[in-house]
Amino acid sequence: MDCLQVVKSAPARARMGRGLSLGRGLVLAFAGLGLAACSGGVLDPLGPVGEGDAEILINATVIMLVIVVPTILMAFWIAWRYRASNTRAEYLPYWSYSGRVEAVVWSIPILTILFIGGVIWIGSHRLDPFRPLESDVPPIEVQVVSLDWKWLFIYPEQGIAAVNQLVVPAGTPVRFSITSASVFNAFFVPRLGSMIYAMPGMVSQLHLQADDPGEMWGISAQFSGDGFSDMNFQVRSLAAADFEAWVGGTRGAGPVLDQAAYAGLTHQSARVPPSTFRAVDPRLFEAVATQAHPPGPGPQPGGAPHAGREATTGGKD
């Protein structure tokens, strides 16, 4: 798993640079010196939602640094100014109150809270996960099921499915419907933004988009048991023609994701390699979301979950 990148890639940095002042740019440059070799994190976005999340994070950090940096500098200045050897510093042992000091002490935190609250309030409404993205391109639908410990992606419009592999067309909004067939989980693609819960018996909505072709990774951001640390999945953003080619290739190979195949997926297993299904039961997601399909059997006697258990249930990509 890659670490966060503070210095953004050139295309993303160009898109965000329009809203950054010189001071904010300097803050990012100095903060990224130690992490310049890292990539794939929330500060290396590939879509509009990820860019919005990164902008909120950067703005909040800059607002807080406006207080933190002067406070640290003032602490050093006071230590130097009122050192024991400086006899010219005014010493007031009986001083107890100053209206001006009180005004500064209270007004700065209040202003900070107002600024940060405004940034987060506006951003949270603009980036509401249930809010469709503005685009001239119609969105595609992807249904997501959280299992132990793997992710199932169903493409109802294309009639295919994949395990631990999410493939989307670049420049096209994606409407995710997310549920869990087991315990609470959290679906998160750091470069696309907006982590959201996957809950049994409920369906969460999420709208994301990858602007350009690229490869990313997605994670489970909610501890869910022994295989949690390996509950990652591949994310690929492809050009429209390449996406159609992938869909066509998937339809031509692999088994069908019917109730029997899904029952096999519900068994606990870790480090499951990516695989695909050439067809899928169109009622499967609804049955999982309404809990018509029971959850998996849970831990089995004999120890840790089997690695790659479902490798033979689907066609490898």
C-alpha atoms as a PDB file:
ATOM      1  CA  MET A   1       0.000   0.000   0.000  1.00  0.00           C
ATOM      2  CA  ASP A   2       1.451   3.344  -1.033  1.00  0.00           C
ATOM      3  CA  CYS A   3       1.789   6.226   1.384  1.00  0.00           C
ATOM      4  CA  LEU A   4       0.271   9.656   0.911  1.00  0.00           C
ATOM      5  CA  GLN A   5       1.745  12.099  -1.536  1.00  0.00           C
ATOM      6  CA  VAL A   6       1.776  15.718  -0.415  1.00  0.00           C
ATOM      7  CA  VAL A   7       3.216  17.124  -3.621  1.00  0.00           C
ATOM      8  CA  LYS A   8       0.559  16.498  -6.257  1.00  0.00           C
ATOM      9  CA  SER A   9       1.147  15.122  -9.721  1.00  0.00           C
ATOM     10  CA  ALA A  10       1.459  17.699 -12.480  1.00  0.00           C
ATOM     11  CA  PRO A  11      -2.089  17.457 -13.969  1.00  0.00           C
ATOM     12  CA  ALA A  12      -3.817  17.460 -10.599  1.00  0.00           C
ATOM     13  CA  ARG A  13      -1.551  20.205  -9.273  1.00  0.00           C
ATOM     14  CA  ALA A  14      -2.435  22.351 -12.268  1.00  0.00           C
ATOM     15  CA  ARG A  15      -6.146  21.914 -11.617  1.00  0.00           C
ATOM     16  CA  MET A  16      -5.860  22.783  -7.936  1.00  0.00           C
ATOM     17  CA  GLY A  17      -3.244  25.476  -8.395  1.00  0.00           C
ATOM     18  CA  ARG A  18      -5.820  27.966  -9.591  1.00  0.00           C
ATOM     19  CA  GLY A  19      -7.280  28.153  -6.089  1.00  0.00           C
ATOM     20  CA  LEU A  20      -4.029  28.174  -4.159  1.00  0.00           C
ATOM     21  CA  SER A  21      -2.329  31.325  -3.039  1.00  0.00           C
ATOM     22  CA  LEU A  22       1.435  31.702  -2.996  1.00  0.00           C
ATOM     23  CA  GLY A  23       1.484  31.093   0.754  1.00  0.00           C
ATOM     24  CA  ARG A  24      -0.435  27.854   0.445  1.00  0.00           C
ATOM     25  CA  GLY A  25       1.862  26.713  -2.343  1.00  0.00           C
ATOM     26  CA  LEU A  26       4.895  27.313  -0.171  1.00  0.00           C
ATOM     27  CA  VAL A  27       3.300  25.370   2.678  1.00  0.00           C
ATOM     28  CA  LEU A  28       2.694  22.411   0.364  1.00  0.00           C
ATOM     29  CA  ALA A  29       6.194  22.570  -1.071  1.00  0.00           C
ATOM     30  CA  PHE A  30       7.898  22.508   2.325  1.00  0.00           C
ATOM     31  CA  ALA A  31       5.498  19.916   3.747  1.00  0.00           C
ATOM     32  CA  GLY A  32       6.111  17.576   0.813  1.00  0.00           C
ATOM     33  CA  LEU A  33       9.897  17.463   0.991  1.00  0.00           C
ATOM     34  CA  GLY A  34       9.882  14.349   3.142  1.00  0.00           C
ATOM     35  CA  LEU A  35       7.170  12.553   1.148  1.00  0.00           C
ATOM     36  CA  ALA A  36       8.021  13.470  -2.430  1.00  0.00           C
ATOM     37  CA  ALA A  37       8.605   9.842  -3.416  1.00  0.00           C
ATOM     38  CA  CYS A  38       5.176   8.627  -2.244  1.00  0.00           C
ATOM     39  CA  SER A  39       2.071   8.376  -4.443  1.00  0.00           C
ATOM     40  CA  GLY A  40      -1.471   7.126  -4.542  1.00  0.00           C
ATOM     41  CA  GLY A  41      -2.918   8.949  -1.531  1.00  0.00           C
ATOM     42  CA  VAL A  42      -5.654  11.476  -0.827  1.00  0.00           C
ATOM     43  CA  LEU A  43      -3.394  14.361  -1.868  1.00  0.00           C
ATOM     44  CA  ASP A  44      -2.837  12.800  -5.287  1.00  0.00           C
ATOM     45  CA  PRO A  45      -6.442  12.905  -6.565  1.00  0.00           C
ATOM     46  CA  LEU A  46      -7.614  11.641  -9.929  1.00  0.00           C
ATOM     47  CA  GLY A  47     -11.165  12.965  -9.966  1.00  0.00           C
ATOM     48  CA  PRO A  48     -13.350  15.926  -8.984  1.00  0.00           C
ATOM     49  CA  VAL A  49     -14.463  14.474  -5.643  1.00  0.00           C
ATOM     50  CA  GLY A  50     -10.902  13.579  -4.666  1.00  0.00           C
ATOM     51  CA  GLU A  51      -9.768  17.077  -5.633  1.00  0.00           C
ATOM     52  CA  GLY A  52     -12.517  18.596  -3.509  1.00  0.00           C
ATOM     53  CA  ASP A  53     -11.546  16.463  -0.511  1.00  0.00           C
ATOM     54  CA  ALA A  54      -7.879  17.375  -0.917  1.00  0.00           C
ATOM     55  CA  GLU A  55      -8.736  21.060  -1.200  1.00  0.00           C
ATOM     56  CA  ILE A  56     -10.704  20.938   2.065  1.00  0.00           C
ATOM     57  CA  LEU A  57      -7.795  19.218   3.801  1.00  0.00           C
ATOM     58  CA  ILE A  58      -5.270  21.732   2.483  1.00  0.00           C
ATOM     59  CA  ASN A  59      -7.438  24.745   3.307  1.00  0.00           C
ATOM     60  CA  ALA A  60      -8.068  23.516   6.853  1.00  0.00           C
ATOM     61  CA  THR A  61      -4.354  22.851   7.349  1.00  0.00           C
ATOM     62  CA  VAL A  62      -3.382  26.312   6.095  1.00  0.00           C
ATOM     63  CA  ILE A  63      -5.971  27.982   8.356  1.00  0.00           C
ATOM     64  CA  MET A  64      -4.623  26.118  11.391  1.00  0.00           C
ATOM     65  CA  LEU A  65      -1.019  26.881  10.442  1.00  0.00           C
ATOM     66  CA  VAL A  66      -1.890  30.583  10.524  1.00  0.00           C
ATOM     67  CA  ILE A  67      -2.255  30.112  14.284  1.00  0.00           C
ATOM     68  CA  VAL A  68       0.253  27.348  14.929  1.00  0.00           C
ATOM     69  CA  VAL A  69       3.266  28.954  13.226  1.00  0.00           C
ATOM     70  CA  PRO A  70       2.988  32.410  14.908  1.00  0.00           C
ATOM     71  CA  THR A  71       2.334  30.727  18.268  1.00  0.00           C
ATOM     72  CA  ILE A  72       5.510  28.645  17.992  1.00  0.00           C
ATOM     73  CA  LEU A  73       7.532  31.668  16.879  1.00  0.00           C
ATOM     74  CA  MET A  74       6.069  33.751  19.714  1.00  0.00           C
ATOM     75  CA  ALA A  75       7.029  31.083  22.257  1.00  0.00           C
ATOM     76  CA  PHE A  76      10.656  31.232  21.128  1.00  0.00           C
ATOM     77  CA  TRP A  77      10.556  35.055  21.077  1.00  0.00           C
ATOM     78  CA  ILE A  78       9.171  35.215  24.623  1.00  0.00           C
ATOM     79  CA  ALA A  79      11.817  32.775  25.876  1.00  0.00           C
ATOM     80  CA  TRP A  80      14.524  34.928  24.286  1.00  0.00           C
ATOM     81  CA  ARG A  81      13.010  38.254  25.269  1.00  0.00           C
ATOM     82  CA  TYR A  82      12.503  37.401  28.937  1.00  0.00           C
ATOM     83  CA  ARG A  83      15.659  35.396  29.492  1.00  0.00           C
ATOM     84  CA  ALA A  84      17.385  35.938  32.842  1.00  0.00           C
ATOM     85  CA  SER A  85      20.304  37.859  31.313  1.00  0.00           C
ATOM     86  CA  ASN A  86      18.078  40.464  29.630  1.00  0.00           C
ATOM     87  CA  THR A  87      17.720  43.151  32.283  1.00  0.00           C
ATOM     88  CA  ARG A  88      15.905  45.528  29.910  1.00  0.00           C
ATOM     89  CA  ALA A  89      12.790  43.315  29.652  1.00  0.00           C
ATOM     90  CA  GLU A  90       9.950  44.739  31.715  1.00  0.00           C
ATOM     91  CA  TYR A  91       8.996  42.456  34.580  1.00  0.00           C
ATOM     92  CA  LEU A  92       5.474  42.796  36.040  1.00  0.00           C
ATOM     93  CA  PRO A  93       5.081  40.220  38.816  1.00  0.00           C
ATOM     94  CA  TYR A  94       1.654  41.481  39.889  1.00  0.00           C
ATOM     95  CA  TRP A  95       0.079  41.789  36.450  1.00  0.00           C
ATOM     96  CA  SER A  96      -3.136  39.732  36.260  1.00  0.00           C
ATOM     97  CA  TYR A  97      -5.436  41.046  33.506  1.00  0.00           C
ATOM     98  CA  SER A  98      -5.367  42.743  30.130  1.00  0.00           C
ATOM     99  CA  GLY A  99      -8.448  43.352  28.020  1.00  0.00           C
ATOM    100  CA  ARG A 100      -6.368  43.433  24.854  1.00  0.00           C
ATOM    101  CA  VAL A 101      -4.737  40.102  25.638  1.00  0.00           C
ATOM    102  CA  GLU A 102      -8.132  38.543  26.414  1.00  0.00           C
ATOM    103  CA  ALA A 103      -9.534  39.858  23.124  1.00  0.00           C
ATOM    104  CA  VAL A 104      -6.684  38.308  21.157  1.00  0.00           C
ATOM    105  CA  VAL A 105      -6.792  35.015  23.081  1.00  0.00           C
ATOM    106  CA  TRP A 106     -10.503  34.553  22.424  1.00  0.00           C
ATOM    107  CA  SER A 107     -10.964  36.171  19.010  1.00  0.00           C
ATOM    108  CA  ILE A 108      -8.309  34.161  17.151  1.00  0.00           C
ATOM    109  CA  PRO A 109      -9.702  30.701  18.078  1.00  0.00           C
ATOM    110  CA  ILE A 110     -13.239  31.888  17.335  1.00  0.00           C
ATOM    111  CA  LEU A 111     -12.223  33.174  13.911  1.00  0.00           C
ATOM    112  CA  THR A 112     -10.361  29.932  13.234  1.00  0.00           C
ATOM    113  CA  ILE A 113     -13.407  27.852  14.085  1.00  0.00           C
ATOM    114  CA  LEU A 114     -15.570  30.044  11.859  1.00  0.00           C
ATOM    115  CA  PHE A 115     -13.170  29.752   8.910  1.00  0.00           C
ATOM    116  CA  ILE A 116     -12.678  25.996   9.251  1.00  0.00           C
ATOM    117  CA  GLY A 117     -16.387  25.448   9.875  1.00  0.00           C
ATOM    118  CA  GLY A 118     -17.238  27.425   6.748  1.00  0.00           C
ATOM    119  CA  VAL A 119     -14.783  25.495   4.606  1.00  0.00           C
ATOM    120  CA  ILE A 120     -16.094  22.142   5.845  1.00  0.00           C
ATOM    121  CA  TRP A 121     -19.767  23.177   5.703  1.00  0.00           C
ATOM    122  CA  ILE A 122     -19.557  24.313   2.096  1.00  0.00           C
ATOM    123  CA  GLY A 123     -17.391  21.371   1.055  1.00  0.00           C
ATOM    124  CA  SER A 124     -19.579  18.765   2.755  1.00  0.00           C
ATOM    125  CA  HIS A 125     -22.649  19.974   0.873  1.00  0.00           C
ATOM    126  CA  ARG A 126     -20.812  20.285  -2.425  1.00  0.00           C
ATOM    127  CA  LEU A 127     -19.350  16.790  -2.046  1.00  0.00           C
ATOM    128  CA  ASP A 128     -22.411  15.046  -0.642  1.00  0.00           C
ATOM    129  CA  PRO A 129     -21.944  11.338  -1.548  1.00  0.00           C
ATOM    130  CA  PHE A 130     -25.610  11.021  -2.546  1.00  0.00           C
ATOM    131  CA  ARG A 131     -25.415  14.017  -4.879  1.00  0.00           C
ATOM    132  CA  PRO A 132     -24.934  13.093  -8.565  1.00  0.00           C
ATOM    133  CA  LEU A 133     -21.925  14.622 -10.296  1.00  0.00           C
ATOM    134  CA  GLU A 134     -22.507  17.249 -12.947  1.00  0.00           C
ATOM    135  CA  SER A 135     -21.511  15.817 -16.310  1.00  0.00           C
ATOM    136  CA  ASP A 136     -22.667  15.644 -19.923  1.00  0.00           C
ATOM    137  CA  VAL A 137     -21.819  11.937 -19.884  1.00  0.00           C
ATOM    138  CA  PRO A 138     -24.474   9.618 -18.405  1.00  0.00           C
ATOM    139  CA  PRO A 139     -23.221   7.720 -15.339  1.00  0.00           C
ATOM    140  CA  ILE A 140     -22.684   3.993 -15.148  1.00  0.00           C
ATOM    141  CA  GLU A 141     -24.005   1.891 -12.274  1.00  0.00           C
ATOM    142  CA  VAL A 142     -21.788  -0.275 -10.080  1.00  0.00           C
ATOM    143  CA  GLN A 143     -23.190  -2.321  -7.204  1.00  0.00           C
ATOM    144  CA  VAL A 144     -20.722  -3.041  -4.401  1.00  0.00           C
ATOM    145  CA  VAL A 145     -20.988  -5.840  -1.839  1.00  0.00           C
ATOM    146  CA  SER A 146     -18.608  -6.056   1.109  1.00  0.00           C
ATOM    147  CA  LEU A 147     -17.762  -9.656   2.018  1.00  0.00           C
ATOM    148  CA  ASP A 148     -15.313 -11.369   4.402  1.00  0.00           C
ATOM    149  CA  TRP A 149     -12.668 -10.317   3.304  1.00  0.00           C
ATOM    150  CA  LYS A 150     -13.131  -9.280  -0.287  1.00  0.00           C
ATOM    151  CA  TRP A 151     -15.147  -6.896  -2.440  1.00  0.00           C
ATOM    152  CA  LEU A 152     -17.719  -7.895  -5.043  1.00  0.00           C
ATOM    153  CA  PHE A 153     -18.462  -5.430  -7.870  1.00  0.00           C
ATOM    154  CA  ILE A 154     -21.567  -5.999  -9.986  1.00  0.00           C
ATOM    155  CA  TYR A 155     -22.152  -4.134 -13.256  1.00  0.00           C
ATOM    156  CA  PRO A 156     -25.939  -4.478 -13.771  1.00  0.00           C
ATOM    157  CA  GLU A 157     -25.997  -2.606 -17.076  1.00  0.00           C
ATOM    158  CA  GLN A 158     -23.206  -4.762 -18.529  1.00  0.00           C
ATOM    159  CA  GLY A 159     -24.363  -7.979 -16.827  1.00  0.00           C
ATOM    160  CA  ILE A 160     -20.910  -8.862 -15.436  1.00  0.00           C
ATOM    161  CA  ALA A 161     -19.219  -8.927 -12.049  1.00  0.00           C
ATOM    162  CA  ALA A 162     -15.719  -8.885 -10.572  1.00  0.00           C
ATOM    163  CA  VAL A 163     -14.075  -9.725  -7.262  1.00  0.00           C
ATOM    164  CA  ASN A 164     -11.401  -7.400  -5.832  1.00  0.00           C
ATOM    165  CA  GLN A 165     -11.246  -5.540  -9.131  1.00  0.00           C
ATOM    166  CA  LEU A 166     -13.018  -2.285  -9.995  1.00  0.00           C
ATOM    167  CA  VAL A 167     -12.743  -1.092 -13.601  1.00  0.00           C
ATOM    168  CA  VAL A 168     -14.381   2.200 -14.628  1.00  0.00           C
ATOM    169  CA  PRO A 169     -14.325   4.374 -17.773  1.00  0.00           C
ATOM    170  CA  ALA A 170     -12.310   7.597 -17.449  1.00  0.00           C
ATOM    171  CA  GLY A 171     -14.292  10.815 -17.607  1.00  0.00           C
ATOM    172  CA  THR A 172     -17.574   9.056 -16.782  1.00  0.00           C
ATOM    173  CA  PRO A 173     -19.438   9.476 -13.472  1.00  0.00           C
ATOM    174  CA  VAL A 174     -19.928   6.244 -11.553  1.00  0.00           C
ATOM    175  CA  ARG A 175     -22.977   5.752  -9.334  1.00  0.00           C
ATOM    176  CA  PHE A 176     -22.146   3.237  -6.603  1.00  0.00           C
ATOM    177  CA  SER A 177     -24.784   1.363  -4.620  1.00  0.00           C
ATOM    178  CA  ILE A 178     -22.992  -0.119  -1.612  1.00  0.00           C
ATOM    179  CA  THR A 179     -24.084  -2.716   0.918  1.00  0.00           C
ATOM    180  CA  SER A 180     -22.526  -5.372   3.125  1.00  0.00           C
ATOM    181  CA  ALA A 181     -23.202  -9.103   3.250  1.00  0.00           C
ATOM    182  CA  SER A 182     -21.423  -9.376   6.571  1.00  0.00           C
ATOM    183  CA  VAL A 183     -20.437  -6.794   9.194  1.00  0.00           C
ATOM    184  CA  PHE A 184     -20.059  -3.014   8.869  1.00  0.00           C
ATOM    185  CA  ASN A 185     -17.307  -2.000   6.498  1.00  0.00           C
ATOM    186  CA  ALA A 186     -16.108   1.162   4.742  1.00  0.00           C
ATOM    187  CA  PHE A 187     -15.497   1.561   1.012  1.00  0.00           C
ATOM    188  CA  PHE A 188     -12.658   3.933   0.149  1.00  0.00           C
ATOM    189  CA  VAL A 189     -10.616   4.718  -2.956  1.00  0.00           C
ATOM    190  CA  PRO A 190      -8.199   7.413  -1.659  1.00  0.00           C
ATOM    191  CA  ARG A 191      -7.479   9.022  -5.038  1.00  0.00           C
ATOM    192  CA  LEU A 192     -11.174   9.276  -5.910  1.00  0.00           C
ATOM    193  CA  GLY A 193     -12.336  10.444  -2.483  1.00  0.00           C
ATOM    194  CA  SER A 194     -15.329  10.136  -0.137  1.00  0.00           C
ATOM    195  CA  MET A 195     -15.080   7.103   2.121  1.00  0.00           C
ATOM    196  CA  ILE A 196     -18.543   5.709   2.905  1.00  0.00           C
ATOM    197  CA  TYR A 197     -19.905   2.892   5.023  1.00  0.00           C
ATOM    198  CA  ALA A 198     -21.113  -0.447   3.698  1.00  0.00           C
ATOM    199  CA  MET A 199     -23.853  -1.603   6.067  1.00  0.00           C
ATOM    200  CA  PRO A 200     -25.792  -4.885   6.169  1.00  0.00           C
ATOM    201  CA  GLY A 201     -29.449  -4.469   5.318  1.00  0.00           C
ATOM    202  CA  MET A 202     -28.919  -0.965   3.923  1.00  0.00           C
ATOM    203  CA  VAL A 203     -27.745   0.605   0.651  1.00  0.00           C
ATOM    204  CA  SER A 204     -25.426   3.628   0.597  1.00  0.00           C
ATOM    205  CA  GLN A 205     -25.071   5.801  -2.485  1.00  0.00           C
ATOM    206  CA  LEU A 206     -21.786   7.259  -3.688  1.00  0.00           C
ATOM    207  CA  HIS A 207     -20.896   9.200  -6.834  1.00  0.00           C
ATOM    208  CA  LEU A 208     -17.279   9.295  -8.003  1.00  0.00           C
ATOM    209  CA  GLN A 209     -15.377   9.927 -11.209  1.00  0.00           C
ATOM    210  CA  ALA A 210     -11.857   9.326 -12.495  1.00  0.00           C
ATOM    211  CA  ASP A 211     -10.891  12.113 -14.888  1.00  0.00           C
ATOM    212  CA  ASP A 212      -7.971  10.330 -16.540  1.00  0.00           C
ATOM    213  CA  PRO A 213      -6.866   6.734 -17.158  1.00  0.00           C
ATOM    214  CA  GLY A 214      -4.767   5.316 -14.354  1.00  0.00           C
ATOM    215  CA  GLU A 215      -4.300   2.565 -11.806  1.00  0.00           C
ATOM    216  CA  MET A 216      -5.245   2.983  -8.159  1.00  0.00           C
ATOM    217  CA  TRP A 217      -6.040   0.903  -5.119  1.00  0.00           C
ATOM    218  CA  GLY A 218      -9.064   0.722  -2.865  1.00  0.00           C
ATOM    219  CA  ILE A 219      -9.243  -0.327   0.739  1.00  0.00           C
ATOM    220  CA  SER A 220     -11.508  -1.378   3.536  1.00  0.00           C
ATOM    221  CA  ALA A 221     -11.343   1.467   6.075  1.00  0.00           C
ATOM    222  CA  GLN A 222     -13.281  -0.299   8.857  1.00  0.00           C
ATOM    223  CA  PHE A 223     -11.794  -3.133  10.917  1.00  0.00           C
ATOM    224  CA  SER A 224     -13.819  -6.255  10.188  1.00  0.00           C
ATOM    225  CA  GLY A 225     -11.849  -9.222  11.489  1.00  0.00           C
ATOM    226  CA  ASP A 226      -8.799 -11.360  10.809  1.00  0.00           C
ATOM    227  CA  GLY A 227      -8.537 -10.693   7.063  1.00  0.00           C
ATOM    228  CA  PHE A 228      -9.100  -6.935   7.282  1.00  0.00           C
ATOM    229  CA  SER A 229      -5.488  -5.963   6.550  1.00  0.00           C
ATOM    230  CA  ASP A 230      -5.606  -7.693   3.146  1.00  0.00           C
ATOM    231  CA  MET A 231      -9.065  -6.481   2.149  1.00  0.00           C
ATOM    232  CA  ASN A 232      -7.814  -4.313  -0.726  1.00  0.00           C
ATOM    233  CA  PHE A 233      -8.891  -4.157  -4.350  1.00  0.00           C
ATOM    234  CA  GLN A 234      -7.496  -2.977  -7.656  1.00  0.00           C
ATOM    235  CA  VAL A 235      -8.986   0.084  -9.347  1.00  0.00           C
ATOM    236  CA  ARG A 236      -8.383   0.783 -13.013  1.00  0.00           C
ATOM    237  CA  SER A 237      -9.624   3.788 -14.942  1.00  0.00           C
ATOM    238  CA  LEU A 238      -9.650   3.063 -18.676  1.00  0.00           C
ATOM    239  CA  ALA A 239     -10.381   5.027 -21.802  1.00  0.00           C
ATOM    240  CA  ALA A 240     -13.918   4.444 -23.092  1.00  0.00           C
ATOM    241  CA  ALA A 241     -12.801   2.098 -25.860  1.00  0.00           C
ATOM    242  CA  ASP A 242     -10.589   0.105 -23.494  1.00  0.00           C
ATOM    243  CA  PHE A 243     -13.425  -0.182 -20.984  1.00  0.00           C
ATOM    244  CA  GLU A 244     -15.737  -1.581 -23.643  1.00  0.00           C
ATOM    245  CA  ALA A 245     -12.994  -4.023 -24.642  1.00  0.00           C
ATOM    246  CA  TRP A 246     -12.652  -5.130 -21.009  1.00  0.00           C
ATOM    247  CA  VAL A 247     -16.408  -5.640 -20.735  1.00  0.00           C
ATOM    248  CA  GLY A 248     -16.410  -7.674 -23.937  1.00  0.00           C
ATOM    249  CA  GLY A 249     -13.505  -9.793 -22.764  1.00  0.00           C
ATOM    250  CA  THR A 250     -15.136 -10.396 -19.394  1.00  0.00           C
ATOM    251  CA  ARG A 251     -18.360 -11.534 -21.033  1.00  0.00           C
ATOM    252  CA  GLY A 252     -16.429 -14.121 -23.002  1.00  0.00           C
ATOM    253  CA  ALA A 253     -14.755 -15.924 -20.110  1.00  0.00           C
ATOM    254  CA  GLY A 254     -15.361 -17.121 -16.582  1.00  0.00           C
ATOM    255  CA  PRO A 255     -18.335 -18.656 -14.782  1.00  0.00           C
ATOM    256  CA  VAL A 256     -21.763 -17.238 -13.993  1.00  0.00           C
ATOM    257  CA  LEU A 257     -22.332 -15.514 -10.649  1.00  0.00           C
ATOM    258  CA  ASP A 258     -25.475 -17.306  -9.569  1.00  0.00           C
ATOM    259  CA  GLN A 259     -26.689 -18.131  -6.076  1.00  0.00           C
ATOM    260  CA  ALA A 260     -24.378 -21.120  -5.755  1.00  0.00           C
ATOM    261  CA  ALA A 261     -21.311 -19.112  -6.791  1.00  0.00           C
ATOM    262  CA  TYR A 262     -22.292 -16.290  -4.461  1.00  0.00           C
ATOM    263  CA  ALA A 263     -22.650 -18.747  -1.584  1.00  0.00           C
ATOM    264  CA  GLY A 264     -19.019 -19.703  -2.149  1.00  0.00           C
ATOM    265  CA  LEU A 265     -17.971 -16.052  -1.993  1.00  0.00           C
ATOM    266  CA  THR A 266     -19.606 -15.604   1.408  1.00  0.00           C
ATOM    267  CA  HIS A 267     -17.097 -17.958   3.049  1.00  0.00           C
ATOM    268  CA  GLN A 268     -14.360 -16.107   4.895  1.00  0.00           C
ATOM    269  CA  SER A 269     -11.140 -15.902   2.884  1.00  0.00           C
ATOM    270  CA  ALA A 270      -8.200 -13.506   2.690  1.00  0.00           C
ATOM    271  CA  ARG A 271      -5.828 -12.327  -0.055  1.00  0.00           C
ATOM    272  CA  VAL A 272      -8.295 -13.316  -2.783  1.00  0.00           C
ATOM    273  CA  PRO A 273      -6.859 -12.602  -6.268  1.00  0.00           C
ATOM    274  CA  PRO A 274      -8.934 -10.554  -8.737  1.00  0.00           C
ATOM    275  CA  SER A 275     -11.416 -12.561 -10.765  1.00  0.00           C
ATOM    276  CA  THR A 276     -14.394 -11.936 -13.032  1.00  0.00           C
ATOM    277  CA  PHE A 277     -17.783 -13.439 -13.877  1.00  0.00           C
ATOM    278  CA  ARG A 278     -19.165 -13.386 -17.425  1.00  0.00           C
ATOM    279  CA  ALA A 279     -22.769 -13.117 -16.216  1.00  0.00           C
ATOM    280  CA  VAL A 280     -24.581 -12.339 -12.997  1.00  0.00           C
ATOM    281  CA  ASP A 281     -28.015 -12.953 -11.524  1.00  0.00           C
ATOM    282  CA  PRO A 282     -29.776  -9.563 -11.978  1.00  0.00           C
ATOM    283  CA  ARG A 283     -31.595  -9.991  -8.637  1.00  0.00           C
ATOM    284  CA  LEU A 284     -28.478 -10.806  -6.634  1.00  0.00           C
ATOM    285  CA  PHE A 285     -27.674  -7.343  -5.262  1.00  0.00           C
ATOM    286  CA  GLU A 286     -31.253  -6.712  -4.157  1.00  0.00           C
ATOM    287  CA  ALA A 287     -31.324 -10.099  -2.438  1.00  0.00           C
ATOM    288  CA  VAL A 288     -28.090  -9.279  -0.593  1.00  0.00           C
ATOM    289  CA  ALA A 289     -29.217  -5.770   0.383  1.00  0.00           C
ATOM    290  CA  THR A 290     -32.562  -7.020   1.719  1.00  0.00           C
ATOM    291  CA  GLN A 291     -30.799  -9.925   3.450  1.00  0.00           C
ATOM    292  CA  ALA A 292     -32.763 -12.492   1.491  1.00  0.00           C
ATOM    293  CA  HIS A 293     -29.369 -14.186   1.159  1.00  0.00           C
ATOM    294  CA  PRO A 294     -28.051 -15.053   4.622  1.00  0.00           C
ATOM    295  CA  PRO A 295     -24.583 -13.871   5.628  1.00  0.00           C
ATOM    296  CA  GLY A 296     -21.580 -16.176   5.378  1.00  0.00           C
ATOM    297  CA  PRO A 297     -20.953 -18.988   7.848  1.00  0.00           C
ATOM    298  CA  GLY A 298     -18.345 -17.027   9.815  1.00  0.00           C
ATOM    299  CA  PRO A 299     -15.149 -18.425  11.328  1.00  0.00           C
ATOM    300  CA  GLN A 300     -14.521 -22.095  10.711  1.00  0.00           C
ATOM    301  CA  PRO A 301     -12.748 -24.486  13.074  1.00  0.00           C
ATOM    302  CA  GLY A 302      -9.087 -24.881  12.334  1.00  0.00           C
ATOM    303  CA  GLY A 303      -7.629 -21.399  12.407  1.00  0.00           C
ATOM    304  CA  ALA A 304      -7.100 -18.463  10.060  1.00  0.00           C
ATOM    305  CA  PRO A 305      -9.091 -17.830   6.860  1.00  0.00           C
ATOM    306  CA  HIS A 306      -7.893 -19.595   3.770  1.00  0.00           C
ATOM    307  CA  ALA A 307      -5.851 -17.480   1.353  1.00  0.00           C
ATOM    308  CA  GLY A 308      -7.251 -17.265  -2.156  1.00  0.00           C
ATOM    309  CA  ARG A 309     -10.195 -19.525  -1.482  1.00  0.00           C
ATOM    310  CA  GLU A 310     -12.310 -18.017  -4.235  1.00  0.00           C
ATOM    311  CA  ALA A 311      -9.532 -18.049  -6.830  1.00  0.00           C
ATOM    312  CA  THR A 312     -11.294 -20.903  -8.646  1.00  0.00           C
ATOM    313  CA  THR A 313     -14.846 -19.483  -8.539  1.00  0.00           C
ATOM    314  CA  GLY A 314     -14.260 -16.724 -11.042  1.00  0.00           C
ATOM    315  CA  GLY A 315     -12.183 -16.158 -14.117  1.00  0.00           C
ATOM    316  CA  LYS A 316      -8.871 -14.484 -13.348  1.00  0.00           C
ATOM    317  CA  ASP A 317      -8.368 -11.155 -15.082  1.00  0.00           C
END
